[in-house]
Amino acid sequence: MEGDPRATYDAIAEHFAATREYPWPEVESFVADVADERPATRALDVGCANGRHCELLASHARSVVGLDVSRQLLREARKRAAERGFDVSLVHGDAARLPFRTETFDLAVYVATLHHLTSREARVASLDELARVLRPGGRALVSAWSTEHSTFEETAGFDTTVDWTLPGGERVPRFYHIYDPDEFRDDLGSSDLTPVDVFVSSGNCYAVVV
């Protein structure tokens, strides 16, 4: 299960969703900055989980699509959208093979998901896919866990598992690739994306990309 994010997040979806109430401040700032420049027509959340960032995007874009590999998390996102009254189209799919036409979105967030892909090839392919579906002039925010996080002592990127503990005590291992900041820049540079700003915040690597 630890190498299969679909099975992992299907198993923990309800509890995971209950702990993910608010959008990250970095995502709020990014979306607000883009919206200040020009209104977004179509927005995408890759790895949307329970839809907390879809809800944020829905207040800044005419239409929003949320994609996730976990059908159970999509169910949680659907419940959130119904309870809170925001519109989102939810799609089951793989971040490394996005099921969208080229140049579809002018705003995207891809946060806390890249690090669950188990190979560098898949991670770079997913960044290429993000570049493909962005419209010219569109912007996206990418994030991944970093060696700068206080949890880790390592300074170079590495693979690991991080357990999720369910209320009954069951521990579900989740695969992570923990990026060091230079490696994160290298993978961005190997992709079809163009970084505008790369930084570390709250233990995560972030990049604003076009």
N, C-alpha and C. Protein backbone atom coordinates (compact mmCIF):
# COMPACT_ATOMS: atom_id res chain seq x y z
N MET A 1 0.83 -1.21 0.00
CA MET A 1 0.00 0.00 0.00
C MET A 1 0.86 1.26 0.00
N GLU A 2 2.05 1.20 0.64
CA GLU A 2 2.82 2.43 0.82
C GLU A 2 3.30 3.03 -0.48
N GLY A 3 3.43 2.20 -1.54
CA GLY A 3 3.85 2.74 -2.82
C GLY A 3 2.68 3.09 -3.72
N ASP A 4 1.47 2.92 -3.24
CA ASP A 4 0.27 3.15 -4.04
C ASP A 4 -0.58 4.22 -3.36
N PRO A 5 -0.43 5.48 -3.77
CA PRO A 5 -1.17 6.55 -3.10
C PRO A 5 -2.68 6.38 -3.20
N ARG A 6 -3.15 5.72 -4.26
CA ARG A 6 -4.59 5.51 -4.39
C ARG A 6 -5.11 4.67 -3.23
N ALA A 7 -4.50 3.51 -2.98
CA ALA A 7 -4.94 2.64 -1.90
C ALA A 7 -4.72 3.29 -0.54
N THR A 8 -3.59 3.98 -0.38
CA THR A 8 -3.28 4.62 0.89
C THR A 8 -4.34 5.66 1.26
N TYR A 9 -4.64 6.54 0.33
CA TYR A 9 -5.58 7.63 0.66
C TYR A 9 -7.03 7.19 0.63
N ASP A 10 -7.34 6.13 -0.11
CA ASP A 10 -8.67 5.55 0.03
C ASP A 10 -8.88 5.04 1.46
N ALA A 11 -7.82 4.46 2.04
CA ALA A 11 -7.92 3.88 3.38
C ALA A 11 -8.07 4.93 4.47
N ILE A 12 -7.51 6.11 4.27
CA ILE A 12 -7.49 7.12 5.34
C ILE A 12 -8.34 8.34 5.00
N ALA A 13 -9.08 8.30 3.91
CA ALA A 13 -9.72 9.50 3.35
C ALA A 13 -10.58 10.26 4.34
N GLU A 14 -11.47 9.58 5.02
CA GLU A 14 -12.41 10.29 5.89
C GLU A 14 -11.69 10.99 7.03
N HIS A 15 -10.76 10.29 7.68
CA HIS A 15 -10.02 10.90 8.80
C HIS A 15 -9.09 12.00 8.29
N PHE A 16 -8.42 11.75 7.17
CA PHE A 16 -7.53 12.74 6.59
C PHE A 16 -8.29 14.03 6.27
N ALA A 17 -9.45 13.87 5.63
CA ALA A 17 -10.24 15.04 5.25
C ALA A 17 -10.66 15.86 6.46
N ALA A 18 -10.96 15.16 7.56
CA ALA A 18 -11.42 15.86 8.76
C ALA A 18 -10.32 16.71 9.38
N THR A 19 -9.07 16.42 9.05
CA THR A 19 -7.94 17.18 9.62
C THR A 19 -7.43 18.26 8.67
N ARG A 20 -8.07 18.42 7.54
CA ARG A 20 -7.61 19.37 6.52
C ARG A 20 -8.70 20.40 6.27
N GLU A 21 -8.85 21.32 7.21
CA GLU A 21 -9.95 22.28 7.16
C GLU A 21 -9.61 23.51 6.32
N TYR A 22 -8.42 24.05 6.48
CA TYR A 22 -8.12 25.37 5.91
C TYR A 22 -7.06 25.29 4.81
N PRO A 23 -7.13 26.19 3.83
CA PRO A 23 -6.07 26.26 2.82
C PRO A 23 -4.76 26.74 3.45
N TRP A 24 -3.67 26.34 2.84
CA TRP A 24 -2.36 26.79 3.32
C TRP A 24 -2.18 28.28 3.04
N PRO A 25 -1.53 29.01 3.95
CA PRO A 25 -1.30 30.45 3.72
C PRO A 25 -0.54 30.72 2.43
N GLU A 26 0.42 29.87 2.09
CA GLU A 26 1.20 30.08 0.87
C GLU A 26 0.31 29.98 -0.37
N VAL A 27 -0.67 29.08 -0.31
CA VAL A 27 -1.60 28.93 -1.43
C VAL A 27 -2.53 30.14 -1.50
N GLU A 28 -3.01 30.58 -0.35
CA GLU A 28 -3.87 31.77 -0.32
C GLU A 28 -3.15 32.97 -0.91
N SER A 29 -1.89 33.17 -0.53
CA SER A 29 -1.13 34.32 -1.04
C SER A 29 -0.92 34.22 -2.54
N PHE A 30 -0.58 33.03 -3.01
CA PHE A 30 -0.35 32.83 -4.44
C PHE A 30 -1.62 33.12 -5.24
N VAL A 31 -2.73 32.54 -4.82
CA VAL A 31 -3.99 32.71 -5.55
C VAL A 31 -4.41 34.18 -5.55
N ALA A 32 -4.26 34.84 -4.41
CA ALA A 32 -4.62 36.26 -4.33
C ALA A 32 -3.74 37.10 -5.25
N ASP A 33 -2.45 36.79 -5.30
CA ASP A 33 -1.53 37.55 -6.16
C ASP A 33 -1.90 37.39 -7.63
N VAL A 34 -2.22 36.15 -8.03
CA VAL A 34 -2.59 35.91 -9.43
C VAL A 34 -3.90 36.62 -9.75
N ALA A 35 -4.85 36.54 -8.84
CA ALA A 35 -6.16 37.17 -9.06
C ALA A 35 -6.04 38.68 -9.16
N ASP A 36 -5.08 39.26 -8.43
CA ASP A 36 -4.87 40.71 -8.50
C ASP A 36 -4.38 41.13 -9.88
N GLU A 37 -3.62 40.24 -10.54
CA GLU A 37 -3.08 40.56 -11.87
C GLU A 37 -4.16 40.47 -12.94
N ARG A 38 -4.95 39.38 -12.88
CA ARG A 38 -6.05 39.22 -13.83
C ARG A 38 -6.94 38.08 -13.36
N PRO A 39 -8.25 38.17 -13.58
CA PRO A 39 -9.16 37.11 -13.16
C PRO A 39 -8.86 35.81 -13.90
N ALA A 40 -8.97 34.70 -13.20
CA ALA A 40 -8.74 33.40 -13.81
C ALA A 40 -10.04 32.88 -14.42
N THR A 41 -9.92 32.24 -15.57
CA THR A 41 -11.09 31.64 -16.21
C THR A 41 -11.28 30.21 -15.70
N ARG A 42 -10.25 29.37 -15.86
CA ARG A 42 -10.34 27.98 -15.41
C ARG A 42 -9.16 27.68 -14.49
N ALA A 43 -9.47 27.07 -13.34
CA ALA A 43 -8.43 26.74 -12.36
C ALA A 43 -8.43 25.24 -12.11
N LEU A 44 -7.24 24.73 -11.77
CA LEU A 44 -7.04 23.30 -11.54
C LEU A 44 -6.33 23.08 -10.22
N ASP A 45 -6.82 22.10 -9.46
CA ASP A 45 -6.16 21.65 -8.24
C ASP A 45 -5.74 20.20 -8.46
N VAL A 46 -4.44 19.96 -8.62
CA VAL A 46 -3.91 18.61 -8.82
C VAL A 46 -3.61 18.02 -7.45
N GLY A 47 -4.24 16.88 -7.14
CA GLY A 47 -4.14 16.31 -5.80
C GLY A 47 -5.03 17.08 -4.85
N CYS A 48 -6.31 17.19 -5.22
CA CYS A 48 -7.20 18.12 -4.51
C CYS A 48 -7.65 17.62 -3.15
N ALA A 49 -7.50 16.31 -2.86
CA ALA A 49 -7.89 15.73 -1.56
C ALA A 49 -9.33 16.10 -1.21
N ASN A 50 -9.54 16.76 -0.06
CA ASN A 50 -10.91 17.05 0.38
C ASN A 50 -11.48 18.33 -0.20
N GLY A 51 -10.74 18.98 -1.10
CA GLY A 51 -11.27 20.14 -1.81
C GLY A 51 -11.07 21.47 -1.12
N ARG A 52 -10.22 21.52 -0.09
CA ARG A 52 -10.07 22.80 0.63
C ARG A 52 -9.47 23.88 -0.28
N HIS A 53 -8.56 23.50 -1.18
CA HIS A 53 -8.01 24.51 -2.08
C HIS A 53 -8.92 24.74 -3.28
N CYS A 54 -9.74 23.76 -3.63
CA CYS A 54 -10.76 23.99 -4.66
C CYS A 54 -11.72 25.08 -4.19
N GLU A 55 -12.09 25.04 -2.93
CA GLU A 55 -12.99 26.05 -2.37
C GLU A 55 -12.37 27.44 -2.49
N LEU A 56 -11.07 27.54 -2.20
CA LEU A 56 -10.37 28.81 -2.35
C LEU A 56 -10.36 29.25 -3.81
N LEU A 57 -10.02 28.34 -4.72
CA LEU A 57 -9.95 28.67 -6.14
C LEU A 57 -11.32 29.11 -6.67
N ALA A 58 -12.38 28.52 -6.13
CA ALA A 58 -13.73 28.83 -6.62
C ALA A 58 -14.12 30.28 -6.37
N SER A 59 -13.45 30.93 -5.43
CA SER A 59 -13.74 32.34 -5.17
C SER A 59 -12.91 33.26 -6.06
N HIS A 60 -12.05 32.69 -6.90
CA HIS A 60 -11.18 33.51 -7.75
C HIS A 60 -11.23 33.13 -9.22
N ALA A 61 -11.94 32.05 -9.58
CA ALA A 61 -11.98 31.60 -10.96
C ALA A 61 -13.41 31.28 -11.36
N ARG A 62 -13.69 31.39 -12.65
CA ARG A 62 -15.05 31.12 -13.13
C ARG A 62 -15.41 29.66 -13.01
N SER A 63 -14.43 28.77 -13.22
CA SER A 63 -14.69 27.34 -13.06
C SER A 63 -13.46 26.68 -12.48
N VAL A 64 -13.67 25.62 -11.72
CA VAL A 64 -12.59 24.92 -11.00
C VAL A 64 -12.72 23.42 -11.23
N VAL A 65 -11.58 22.78 -11.47
CA VAL A 65 -11.51 21.33 -11.58
C VAL A 65 -10.56 20.82 -10.51
N GLY A 66 -11.00 19.81 -9.77
CA GLY A 66 -10.13 19.15 -8.79
C GLY A 66 -9.87 17.73 -9.23
N LEU A 67 -8.61 17.34 -9.24
CA LEU A 67 -8.22 15.98 -9.63
C LEU A 67 -7.55 15.28 -8.47
N ASP A 68 -7.89 14.01 -8.27
CA ASP A 68 -7.20 13.21 -7.27
C ASP A 68 -7.22 11.75 -7.70
N VAL A 69 -6.20 11.00 -7.24
CA VAL A 69 -6.11 9.58 -7.55
C VAL A 69 -7.00 8.75 -6.64
N SER A 70 -7.43 9.32 -5.51
CA SER A 70 -8.25 8.60 -4.53
C SER A 70 -9.73 8.92 -4.73
N ARG A 71 -10.52 7.91 -5.05
CA ARG A 71 -11.96 8.12 -5.20
C ARG A 71 -12.61 8.49 -3.87
N GLN A 72 -12.07 7.96 -2.78
CA GLN A 72 -12.64 8.27 -1.47
C GLN A 72 -12.39 9.73 -1.09
N LEU A 73 -11.22 10.26 -1.43
CA LEU A 73 -10.97 11.67 -1.18
C LEU A 73 -11.87 12.54 -2.07
N LEU A 74 -12.10 12.12 -3.30
CA LEU A 74 -13.02 12.86 -4.16
C LEU A 74 -14.43 12.87 -3.57
N ARG A 75 -14.81 11.78 -2.94
CA ARG A 75 -16.11 11.74 -2.26
C ARG A 75 -16.15 12.77 -1.14
N GLU A 76 -15.05 12.90 -0.40
CA GLU A 76 -14.99 13.90 0.67
C GLU A 76 -15.04 15.32 0.08
N ALA A 77 -14.38 15.52 -1.04
CA ALA A 77 -14.42 16.84 -1.69
C ALA A 77 -15.83 17.16 -2.18
N ARG A 78 -16.52 16.16 -2.69
CA ARG A 78 -17.89 16.37 -3.15
C ARG A 78 -18.79 16.77 -1.99
N LYS A 79 -18.62 16.11 -0.85
CA LYS A 79 -19.39 16.45 0.35
C LYS A 79 -19.10 17.88 0.78
N ARG A 80 -17.83 18.26 0.78
CA ARG A 80 -17.46 19.62 1.20
C ARG A 80 -18.09 20.67 0.28
N ALA A 81 -18.04 20.42 -1.03
CA ALA A 81 -18.60 21.36 -1.98
C ALA A 81 -20.11 21.51 -1.77
N ALA A 82 -20.79 20.40 -1.51
CA ALA A 82 -22.24 20.45 -1.28
C ALA A 82 -22.57 21.19 0.01
N GLU A 83 -21.79 20.94 1.06
CA GLU A 83 -22.07 21.57 2.35
C GLU A 83 -21.78 23.06 2.33
N ARG A 84 -20.77 23.47 1.56
CA ARG A 84 -20.33 24.87 1.60
C ARG A 84 -20.78 25.68 0.40
N GLY A 85 -21.39 25.02 -0.56
CA GLY A 85 -22.00 25.73 -1.66
C GLY A 85 -21.04 26.32 -2.67
N PHE A 86 -19.95 25.62 -2.98
CA PHE A 86 -19.09 26.08 -4.07
C PHE A 86 -19.10 25.06 -5.20
N ASP A 87 -18.85 25.54 -6.41
CA ASP A 87 -18.91 24.70 -7.60
C ASP A 87 -17.52 24.18 -7.96
N VAL A 88 -17.43 22.88 -8.20
CA VAL A 88 -16.18 22.28 -8.63
C VAL A 88 -16.50 21.02 -9.41
N SER A 89 -15.74 20.78 -10.48
CA SER A 89 -15.83 19.52 -11.21
C SER A 89 -14.72 18.62 -10.70
N LEU A 90 -15.07 17.43 -10.26
CA LEU A 90 -14.10 16.52 -9.65
C LEU A 90 -13.80 15.37 -10.59
N VAL A 91 -12.51 15.11 -10.78
CA VAL A 91 -12.04 14.13 -11.77
C VAL A 91 -11.10 13.15 -11.09
N HIS A 92 -11.32 11.86 -11.36
CA HIS A 92 -10.42 10.82 -10.88
C HIS A 92 -9.30 10.66 -11.90
N GLY A 93 -8.04 10.79 -11.46
CA GLY A 93 -6.95 10.69 -12.41
C GLY A 93 -5.59 10.71 -11.76
N ASP A 94 -4.58 10.54 -12.58
CA ASP A 94 -3.18 10.41 -12.18
C ASP A 94 -2.44 11.71 -12.49
N ALA A 95 -1.71 12.22 -11.51
CA ALA A 95 -0.98 13.48 -11.70
C ALA A 95 0.09 13.38 -12.78
N ALA A 96 0.57 12.18 -13.05
CA ALA A 96 1.60 12.01 -14.07
C ALA A 96 1.02 11.87 -15.48
N ARG A 97 -0.32 11.76 -15.59
CA ARG A 97 -0.99 11.66 -16.88
C ARG A 97 -2.32 12.40 -16.78
N LEU A 98 -2.26 13.70 -16.80
CA LEU A 98 -3.46 14.51 -16.58
C LEU A 98 -4.45 14.34 -17.74
N PRO A 99 -5.71 14.04 -17.43
CA PRO A 99 -6.71 13.78 -18.48
C PRO A 99 -7.39 15.05 -18.99
N PHE A 100 -6.57 16.04 -19.37
CA PHE A 100 -7.10 17.31 -19.82
C PHE A 100 -6.42 17.71 -21.12
N ARG A 101 -7.11 18.54 -21.89
CA ARG A 101 -6.53 19.03 -23.13
C ARG A 101 -5.39 20.01 -22.85
N THR A 102 -4.52 20.13 -23.80
CA THR A 102 -3.41 21.08 -23.72
C THR A 102 -3.95 22.51 -23.62
N GLU A 103 -3.29 23.31 -22.79
CA GLU A 103 -3.60 24.74 -22.63
C GLU A 103 -5.06 24.94 -22.21
N THR A 104 -5.44 24.30 -21.12
CA THR A 104 -6.81 24.37 -20.62
C THR A 104 -6.98 25.33 -19.46
N PHE A 105 -5.95 25.47 -18.61
CA PHE A 105 -6.09 26.20 -17.35
C PHE A 105 -5.16 27.41 -17.30
N ASP A 106 -5.66 28.50 -16.70
CA ASP A 106 -4.78 29.66 -16.52
C ASP A 106 -4.35 29.85 -15.07
N LEU A 107 -4.78 28.95 -14.19
CA LEU A 107 -4.39 28.98 -12.78
C LEU A 107 -4.40 27.55 -12.27
N ALA A 108 -3.36 27.16 -11.52
CA ALA A 108 -3.31 25.80 -10.99
C ALA A 108 -2.53 25.77 -9.69
N VAL A 109 -2.92 24.83 -8.83
CA VAL A 109 -2.12 24.52 -7.63
C VAL A 109 -1.86 23.02 -7.63
N TYR A 110 -0.64 22.68 -7.28
CA TYR A 110 -0.19 21.28 -7.25
C TYR A 110 0.62 21.14 -5.97
N VAL A 111 -0.08 21.02 -4.84
CA VAL A 111 0.59 21.09 -3.54
C VAL A 111 0.44 19.78 -2.78
N ALA A 112 1.53 19.40 -2.11
CA ALA A 112 1.55 18.22 -1.22
C ALA A 112 1.15 16.95 -1.95
N THR A 113 1.54 16.85 -3.22
CA THR A 113 1.18 15.67 -4.01
C THR A 113 2.37 15.12 -4.78
N LEU A 114 3.18 15.99 -5.36
CA LEU A 114 4.35 15.56 -6.13
C LEU A 114 5.20 14.57 -5.35
N HIS A 115 5.36 14.79 -4.06
CA HIS A 115 6.25 13.94 -3.25
C HIS A 115 5.72 12.54 -3.03
N HIS A 116 4.47 12.25 -3.43
CA HIS A 116 3.93 10.89 -3.29
C HIS A 116 4.22 10.02 -4.51
N LEU A 117 4.72 10.59 -5.59
CA LEU A 117 5.06 9.81 -6.77
C LEU A 117 6.40 9.12 -6.53
N THR A 118 6.47 7.83 -6.85
CA THR A 118 7.56 7.00 -6.33
C THR A 118 8.85 7.03 -7.15
N SER A 119 8.83 7.61 -8.34
CA SER A 119 10.07 7.68 -9.14
C SER A 119 10.31 9.09 -9.63
N ARG A 120 11.57 9.41 -9.87
CA ARG A 120 11.88 10.74 -10.42
C ARG A 120 11.23 10.91 -11.79
N GLU A 121 11.22 9.84 -12.59
CA GLU A 121 10.62 9.92 -13.92
C GLU A 121 9.15 10.33 -13.83
N ALA A 122 8.44 9.73 -12.89
CA ALA A 122 7.02 10.06 -12.73
C ALA A 122 6.85 11.49 -12.24
N ARG A 123 7.74 11.93 -11.34
CA ARG A 123 7.62 13.30 -10.81
C ARG A 123 7.88 14.33 -11.91
N VAL A 124 8.92 14.13 -12.70
CA VAL A 124 9.20 15.07 -13.79
C VAL A 124 8.10 15.01 -14.84
N ALA A 125 7.60 13.80 -15.12
CA ALA A 125 6.49 13.67 -16.08
C ALA A 125 5.27 14.44 -15.61
N SER A 126 5.02 14.42 -14.30
CA SER A 126 3.86 15.16 -13.79
C SER A 126 4.05 16.66 -13.91
N LEU A 127 5.28 17.13 -13.73
CA LEU A 127 5.57 18.55 -13.93
C LEU A 127 5.40 18.92 -15.41
N ASP A 128 5.84 18.02 -16.31
CA ASP A 128 5.62 18.25 -17.74
C ASP A 128 4.13 18.34 -18.06
N GLU A 129 3.34 17.48 -17.42
CA GLU A 129 1.91 17.49 -17.65
C GLU A 129 1.28 18.80 -17.17
N LEU A 130 1.74 19.29 -16.04
CA LEU A 130 1.25 20.57 -15.55
C LEU A 130 1.56 21.67 -16.56
N ALA A 131 2.79 21.66 -17.09
CA ALA A 131 3.16 22.65 -18.10
C ALA A 131 2.26 22.53 -19.33
N ARG A 132 1.95 21.32 -19.73
CA ARG A 132 1.13 21.10 -20.93
C ARG A 132 -0.27 21.69 -20.79
N VAL A 133 -0.88 21.53 -19.61
CA VAL A 133 -2.28 21.97 -19.47
C VAL A 133 -2.41 23.44 -19.09
N LEU A 134 -1.29 24.11 -18.77
CA LEU A 134 -1.35 25.54 -18.50
C LEU A 134 -1.45 26.33 -19.80
N ARG A 135 -2.30 27.34 -19.78
CA ARG A 135 -2.37 28.23 -20.93
C ARG A 135 -1.18 29.16 -20.96
N PRO A 136 -0.81 29.71 -22.11
CA PRO A 136 0.23 30.73 -22.14
C PRO A 136 -0.14 31.89 -21.22
N GLY A 137 0.77 32.27 -20.36
CA GLY A 137 0.50 33.31 -19.38
C GLY A 137 -0.11 32.79 -18.10
N GLY A 138 -0.46 31.50 -18.06
CA GLY A 138 -1.01 30.90 -16.84
C GLY A 138 0.08 30.67 -15.81
N ARG A 139 -0.34 30.55 -14.55
CA ARG A 139 0.61 30.32 -13.46
C ARG A 139 0.14 29.18 -12.57
N ALA A 140 1.12 28.52 -11.96
CA ALA A 140 0.81 27.43 -11.04
C ALA A 140 1.74 27.51 -9.85
N LEU A 141 1.30 26.93 -8.75
CA LEU A 141 2.11 26.79 -7.54
C LEU A 141 2.33 25.31 -7.28
N VAL A 142 3.59 24.92 -7.15
CA VAL A 142 3.98 23.52 -6.88
C VAL A 142 4.64 23.47 -5.52
N SER A 143 4.32 22.43 -4.72
CA SER A 143 5.01 22.27 -3.44
C SER A 143 5.32 20.81 -3.18
N ALA A 144 6.33 20.57 -2.34
CA ALA A 144 6.69 19.22 -1.90
C ALA A 144 7.41 19.33 -0.56
N TRP A 145 7.32 18.27 0.22
CA TRP A 145 8.05 18.25 1.49
C TRP A 145 9.55 18.35 1.25
N SER A 146 10.24 18.99 2.21
CA SER A 146 11.64 19.33 2.03
C SER A 146 12.49 18.85 3.21
N THR A 147 13.77 18.65 2.92
CA THR A 147 14.73 18.35 3.98
C THR A 147 14.87 19.50 4.96
N GLU A 148 14.34 20.67 4.60
CA GLU A 148 14.37 21.82 5.50
C GLU A 148 13.36 21.68 6.64
N HIS A 149 12.47 20.69 6.55
CA HIS A 149 11.49 20.46 7.62
C HIS A 149 12.20 19.96 8.87
N SER A 150 11.75 20.41 10.02
CA SER A 150 12.41 20.05 11.28
C SER A 150 12.33 18.56 11.60
N THR A 151 11.43 17.84 10.93
CA THR A 151 11.29 16.40 11.15
C THR A 151 12.52 15.63 10.70
N PHE A 152 13.25 16.17 9.72
CA PHE A 152 14.31 15.40 9.06
C PHE A 152 15.69 15.93 9.40
N GLU A 153 16.64 14.99 9.51
CA GLU A 153 18.04 15.34 9.74
C GLU A 153 18.85 15.32 8.45
N GLU A 154 18.36 14.62 7.43
CA GLU A 154 19.07 14.50 6.18
C GLU A 154 19.17 15.85 5.46
N THR A 155 20.20 16.00 4.66
CA THR A 155 20.37 17.23 3.88
C THR A 155 20.19 16.97 2.38
N ALA A 156 20.29 15.71 1.96
CA ALA A 156 20.06 15.35 0.56
C ALA A 156 18.69 14.68 0.43
N GLY A 157 18.07 14.81 -0.73
CA GLY A 157 16.77 14.23 -0.95
C GLY A 157 16.77 12.72 -0.75
N PHE A 158 15.65 12.18 -0.28
CA PHE A 158 15.58 10.74 0.01
C PHE A 158 14.13 10.28 -0.01
N ASP A 159 13.96 8.95 -0.13
CA ASP A 159 12.65 8.32 -0.05
C ASP A 159 12.40 7.82 1.36
N THR A 160 11.15 7.89 1.80
CA THR A 160 10.82 7.42 3.14
C THR A 160 9.33 7.09 3.18
N THR A 161 8.88 6.59 4.31
CA THR A 161 7.45 6.45 4.57
C THR A 161 7.11 7.20 5.84
N VAL A 162 5.93 7.78 5.83
CA VAL A 162 5.41 8.51 6.99
C VAL A 162 4.04 7.92 7.31
N ASP A 163 3.89 7.41 8.51
CA ASP A 163 2.65 6.74 8.88
C ASP A 163 1.52 7.75 9.16
N TRP A 164 0.31 7.37 8.75
CA TRP A 164 -0.90 8.07 9.16
C TRP A 164 -1.59 7.17 10.18
N THR A 165 -1.90 7.69 11.37
CA THR A 165 -2.53 6.90 12.42
C THR A 165 -4.02 7.18 12.46
N LEU A 166 -4.81 6.15 12.22
CA LEU A 166 -6.26 6.26 12.25
C LEU A 166 -6.75 6.25 13.69
N PRO A 167 -7.99 6.72 13.94
CA PRO A 167 -8.49 6.83 15.31
C PRO A 167 -8.41 5.54 16.12
N GLY A 168 -8.56 4.38 15.47
CA GLY A 168 -8.48 3.11 16.19
C GLY A 168 -7.07 2.63 16.45
N GLY A 169 -6.07 3.39 15.98
CA GLY A 169 -4.68 3.02 16.22
C GLY A 169 -3.98 2.39 15.03
N GLU A 170 -4.73 2.03 13.99
CA GLU A 170 -4.10 1.45 12.81
C GLU A 170 -3.18 2.49 12.15
N ARG A 171 -2.00 2.03 11.76
CA ARG A 171 -1.02 2.92 11.13
C ARG A 171 -0.92 2.58 9.65
N VAL A 172 -1.11 3.58 8.82
CA VAL A 172 -1.08 3.39 7.37
C VAL A 172 0.13 4.11 6.80
N PRO A 173 1.11 3.37 6.25
CA PRO A 173 2.32 4.02 5.73
C PRO A 173 2.05 4.75 4.41
N ARG A 174 2.63 5.93 4.29
CA ARG A 174 2.51 6.72 3.06
C ARG A 174 3.90 6.98 2.51
N PHE A 175 4.08 6.70 1.21
CA PHE A 175 5.36 6.98 0.56
C PHE A 175 5.56 8.48 0.38
N TYR A 176 6.78 8.94 0.66
CA TYR A 176 7.18 10.33 0.39
C TYR A 176 8.56 10.34 -0.24
N HIS A 177 8.75 11.19 -1.23
CA HIS A 177 10.10 11.58 -1.61
C HIS A 177 10.34 12.96 -1.01
N ILE A 178 11.30 13.04 -0.11
CA ILE A 178 11.63 14.30 0.56
C ILE A 178 12.70 15.01 -0.27
N TYR A 179 12.34 16.16 -0.79
CA TYR A 179 13.25 16.92 -1.66
C TYR A 179 14.22 17.76 -0.85
N ASP A 180 15.48 17.81 -1.30
CA ASP A 180 16.31 18.93 -0.85
C ASP A 180 16.09 20.07 -1.85
N PRO A 181 16.28 21.32 -1.43
CA PRO A 181 15.93 22.44 -2.30
C PRO A 181 16.63 22.44 -3.66
N ASP A 182 17.90 22.02 -3.71
CA ASP A 182 18.60 21.98 -4.99
C ASP A 182 18.00 20.93 -5.92
N GLU A 183 17.64 19.79 -5.36
CA GLU A 183 17.03 18.73 -6.15
C GLU A 183 15.67 19.18 -6.70
N PHE A 184 14.91 19.90 -5.88
CA PHE A 184 13.63 20.43 -6.33
C PHE A 184 13.82 21.36 -7.52
N ARG A 185 14.81 22.23 -7.42
CA ARG A 185 15.11 23.11 -8.56
C ARG A 185 15.53 22.31 -9.78
N ASP A 186 16.32 21.25 -9.57
CA ASP A 186 16.78 20.43 -10.69
C ASP A 186 15.61 19.76 -11.41
N ASP A 187 14.66 19.22 -10.63
CA ASP A 187 13.51 18.57 -11.27
C ASP A 187 12.65 19.58 -12.02
N LEU A 188 12.48 20.75 -11.45
CA LEU A 188 11.77 21.80 -12.18
C LEU A 188 12.50 22.15 -13.47
N GLY A 189 13.84 22.26 -13.38
CA GLY A 189 14.63 22.59 -14.54
C GLY A 189 14.63 21.52 -15.61
N SER A 190 14.40 20.27 -15.20
CA SER A 190 14.33 19.15 -16.15
C SER A 190 12.95 19.02 -16.79
N SER A 191 12.00 19.79 -16.30
CA SER A 191 10.64 19.72 -16.83
C SER A 191 10.40 20.83 -17.83
N ASP A 192 9.18 20.86 -18.34
CA ASP A 192 8.80 21.90 -19.31
C ASP A 192 8.29 23.17 -18.64
N LEU A 193 8.28 23.21 -17.31
CA LEU A 193 7.87 24.39 -16.57
C LEU A 193 9.01 25.41 -16.50
N THR A 194 8.64 26.66 -16.34
CA THR A 194 9.62 27.72 -16.12
C THR A 194 9.39 28.30 -14.73
N PRO A 195 10.33 28.12 -13.80
CA PRO A 195 10.14 28.69 -12.45
C PRO A 195 10.25 30.21 -12.48
N VAL A 196 9.32 30.86 -11.80
CA VAL A 196 9.35 32.30 -11.61
C VAL A 196 9.91 32.64 -10.24
N ASP A 197 9.59 31.82 -9.25
CA ASP A 197 10.06 32.02 -7.87
C ASP A 197 10.12 30.66 -7.20
N VAL A 198 11.25 30.35 -6.56
CA VAL A 198 11.41 29.09 -5.83
C VAL A 198 11.84 29.44 -4.41
N PHE A 199 11.14 28.86 -3.42
CA PHE A 199 11.43 29.23 -2.03
C PHE A 199 11.04 28.09 -1.10
N VAL A 200 11.47 28.19 0.15
CA VAL A 200 11.11 27.23 1.19
C VAL A 200 10.27 27.94 2.23
N SER A 201 9.17 27.31 2.65
CA SER A 201 8.31 27.86 3.68
C SER A 201 7.66 26.72 4.45
N SER A 202 7.68 26.81 5.77
CA SER A 202 7.05 25.82 6.65
C SER A 202 7.50 24.40 6.33
N GLY A 203 8.77 24.24 5.99
CA GLY A 203 9.32 22.93 5.73
C GLY A 203 9.01 22.35 4.36
N ASN A 204 8.45 23.17 3.48
CA ASN A 204 8.12 22.72 2.13
C ASN A 204 8.88 23.52 1.10
N CYS A 205 9.27 22.85 0.01
CA CYS A 205 9.75 23.56 -1.18
C CYS A 205 8.55 24.04 -1.98
N TYR A 206 8.60 25.27 -2.44
CA TYR A 206 7.55 25.85 -3.27
C TYR A 206 8.16 26.43 -4.56
N ALA A 207 7.35 26.42 -5.60
CA ALA A 207 7.75 27.12 -6.83
C ALA A 207 6.52 27.71 -7.50
N VAL A 208 6.63 28.97 -7.85
CA VAL A 208 5.65 29.59 -8.74
C VAL A 208 6.20 29.37 -10.15
N VAL A 209 5.38 28.77 -11.01
CA VAL A 209 5.87 28.36 -12.33
C VAL A 209 4.90 28.82 -13.42
N VAL A 210 5.45 28.89 -14.63
CA VAL A 210 4.63 29.20 -15.81
C VAL A 210 4.94 28.16 -16.87
